[in-house]
N, C-alpha and C. Protein backbone atom coordinates (compact mmCIF):
# COMPACT_ATOMS: atom_id res chain seq x y z
N MET A 1 169.15 168.65 64.56
CA MET A 1 169.68 167.51 64.99
C MET A 1 170.55 166.83 63.86
N LYS A 2 170.95 165.93 64.41
CA LYS A 2 171.87 164.55 64.18
C LYS A 2 171.50 163.57 63.95
N PHE A 3 171.60 163.11 62.35
CA PHE A 3 171.06 161.72 63.07
C PHE A 3 172.11 160.46 63.13
N GLN A 4 171.72 159.41 63.42
CA GLN A 4 172.58 158.40 64.13
C GLN A 4 173.43 158.12 62.74
N PHE A 5 172.66 157.78 61.24
CA PHE A 5 173.53 157.10 60.54
C PHE A 5 173.69 158.05 59.17
N GLU A 6 174.49 158.18 58.24
CA GLU A 6 174.58 159.23 57.35
C GLU A 6 173.89 159.10 56.38
N SER A 7 173.75 157.53 55.97
CA SER A 7 173.22 157.11 54.43
C SER A 7 172.16 155.95 55.01
N ILE A 8 171.09 155.78 53.90
CA ILE A 8 170.32 154.43 54.31
C ILE A 8 171.59 153.29 54.16
N ALA A 9 172.80 153.25 53.32
CA ALA A 9 173.29 151.76 53.33
C ALA A 9 174.03 151.47 54.64
N ASP A 10 173.91 153.15 55.41
CA ASP A 10 174.62 152.73 56.98
C ASP A 10 173.58 152.33 57.95
N LEU A 11 172.56 152.57 57.44
CA LEU A 11 171.66 152.26 58.47
C LEU A 11 171.07 150.83 58.35
N LEU A 12 171.11 150.36 57.26
CA LEU A 12 170.87 148.68 56.68
C LEU A 12 172.33 147.96 57.25
N SER A 13 173.17 148.26 57.02
CA SER A 13 174.32 147.96 57.57
C SER A 13 175.13 147.94 58.94
N MET A 14 174.67 148.77 59.85
CA MET A 14 174.42 148.85 61.34
C MET A 14 176.07 149.10 61.51
N SER A 15 177.13 149.18 60.98
CA SER A 15 178.45 148.97 61.28
C SER A 15 178.66 147.79 61.69
N GLY A 16 178.21 146.93 60.62
CA GLY A 16 178.17 145.43 60.75
C GLY A 16 177.49 144.66 61.33
N HIS A 17 176.56 145.12 62.13
CA HIS A 17 175.59 144.23 62.96
C HIS A 17 174.27 144.33 62.25
N GLY A 18 174.53 144.52 61.15
CA GLY A 18 172.81 144.85 60.08
C GLY A 18 172.80 143.74 60.54
N PRO A 19 173.31 142.76 59.83
CA PRO A 19 172.35 140.96 59.38
C PRO A 19 171.51 140.74 60.59
N TYR A 20 172.48 140.90 62.08
CA TYR A 20 171.82 140.23 63.21
C TYR A 20 170.57 141.36 63.94
N VAL A 21 170.92 142.47 63.44
CA VAL A 21 169.82 143.19 63.85
C VAL A 21 168.15 143.22 62.99
N TRP A 22 168.47 142.79 61.48
CA TRP A 22 167.28 143.09 60.86
C TRP A 22 167.15 141.74 60.69
N GLY A 23 167.79 140.88 60.73
CA GLY A 23 167.12 139.47 60.88
C GLY A 23 166.25 139.17 62.59
N ALA A 24 167.02 139.56 63.50
CA ALA A 24 165.84 139.58 64.68
C ALA A 24 164.64 140.20 64.77
N TYR A 25 164.71 141.80 63.82
CA TYR A 25 163.38 142.18 63.86
C TYR A 25 162.41 141.46 62.58
N PHE A 26 162.72 140.48 61.67
CA PHE A 26 162.43 139.67 60.73
C PHE A 26 161.78 137.98 61.53
N VAL A 27 162.80 137.35 62.38
CA VAL A 27 162.12 136.83 63.62
C VAL A 27 160.90 136.79 64.27
N THR A 28 161.07 138.02 64.87
CA THR A 28 159.90 138.88 65.76
C THR A 28 158.68 139.07 64.68
N PHE A 29 158.73 139.61 63.74
CA PHE A 29 157.61 139.85 62.68
C PHE A 29 156.90 138.72 62.70
N VAL A 30 157.52 137.81 61.82
CA VAL A 30 157.04 136.11 61.93
C VAL A 30 156.59 135.42 63.08
N ALA A 31 157.32 135.65 63.99
CA ALA A 31 156.60 134.91 65.40
C ALA A 31 154.90 135.74 65.85
N ILE A 32 155.19 137.06 65.63
CA ILE A 32 154.18 138.10 66.11
C ILE A 32 152.67 137.52 65.06
N ALA A 33 153.32 137.62 63.51
CA ALA A 33 152.33 137.36 62.79
C ALA A 33 151.51 136.19 63.14
N THR A 34 152.50 135.41 63.10
CA THR A 34 152.39 133.58 63.41
C THR A 34 150.91 133.46 64.45
N LEU A 35 151.58 134.22 65.63
CA LEU A 35 150.39 134.32 67.03
C LEU A 35 149.43 135.00 66.85
N ILE A 36 148.80 135.89 65.98
CA ILE A 36 147.88 136.46 65.18
C ILE A 36 147.03 135.78 64.26
N TYR A 37 147.78 134.98 63.09
CA TYR A 37 146.84 134.30 62.61
C TYR A 37 146.68 133.12 62.62
N ILE A 38 147.20 132.34 63.46
CA ILE A 38 146.60 131.09 63.94
C ILE A 38 145.85 130.86 64.56
N PRO A 39 145.14 131.44 65.73
CA PRO A 39 144.14 131.40 66.55
C PRO A 39 142.93 131.92 65.61
N TYR A 40 143.08 133.17 65.05
CA TYR A 40 142.19 133.26 63.79
C TYR A 40 141.18 132.33 62.54
N LYS A 41 142.85 131.99 62.39
CA LYS A 41 142.25 130.61 61.20
C LYS A 41 141.85 129.69 62.15
N LEU A 42 142.04 129.09 63.49
CA LEU A 42 141.41 128.14 63.85
C LEU A 42 140.20 128.51 64.11
N LYS A 43 139.63 130.21 64.61
CA LYS A 43 138.62 130.37 65.24
C LYS A 43 137.14 130.09 63.37
N ARG A 44 137.90 130.62 62.99
CA ARG A 44 137.34 130.45 61.56
C ARG A 44 137.03 128.76 61.26
N GLN A 45 137.47 128.19 61.54
CA GLN A 45 137.28 126.76 61.02
C GLN A 45 136.55 126.18 62.48
N ILE A 46 136.38 126.32 63.06
CA ILE A 46 135.49 126.19 64.75
C ILE A 46 134.33 126.11 64.24
N VAL A 47 133.85 127.91 63.92
CA VAL A 47 133.24 128.68 63.61
C VAL A 47 132.39 127.86 61.80
N ALA A 48 133.16 127.18 61.64
CA ALA A 48 132.51 127.16 59.93
C ALA A 48 132.09 125.32 60.70
N GLN A 49 132.46 124.75 61.31
CA GLN A 49 132.31 123.00 61.73
C GLN A 49 131.01 123.20 62.25
N VAL A 50 130.93 124.18 63.29
CA VAL A 50 130.10 124.22 64.34
C VAL A 50 128.17 124.80 63.47
N LYS A 51 128.71 125.62 62.51
CA LYS A 51 127.47 125.63 61.29
C LYS A 51 126.98 124.39 60.82
N ARG A 52 127.84 123.93 60.27
CA ARG A 52 127.95 122.41 59.19
C ARG A 52 126.68 121.67 60.14
N GLN A 53 127.37 121.23 61.61
CA GLN A 53 126.76 120.65 62.69
C GLN A 53 125.27 121.19 62.91
N GLN A 54 125.36 122.38 63.20
CA GLN A 54 123.98 122.94 63.35
C GLN A 54 122.96 122.48 62.36
N LYS A 55 123.40 122.69 60.97
CA LYS A 55 122.83 122.42 60.28
C LYS A 55 122.28 121.05 59.83
N ILE A 56 123.38 119.99 60.33
CA ILE A 56 122.90 118.41 60.03
C ILE A 56 121.89 118.28 61.30
N GLU A 57 122.15 118.35 61.92
CA GLU A 57 120.81 118.27 63.73
C GLU A 57 119.71 119.07 63.37
N LYS A 58 119.78 120.17 62.66
CA LYS A 58 118.27 120.68 62.38
C LYS A 58 117.24 119.68 62.21
N PRO A 59 116.18 119.66 62.97
CA PRO A 59 114.61 118.83 62.44
C PRO A 59 114.13 119.65 61.34
N ALA A 60 113.84 118.59 60.46
CA ALA A 60 113.62 118.77 58.86
C ALA A 60 112.09 118.94 59.23
N HIS A 61 111.35 120.13 59.19
CA HIS A 61 109.89 119.79 59.04
C HIS A 61 109.38 120.40 57.86
């Protein structure tokens, strides 16, 4: 089996295209992480808000 790159340095540089390729991976990772994190954060905020609202509206007996 023959590998595409001779060394780790060749893998990172990718014949001069490394900064573009690794930059694209980084931007993609950040975008996906953001698309996962923001709805999770908003859901937690909404649930906490609803719990606070239910606690306020609960009649005192």
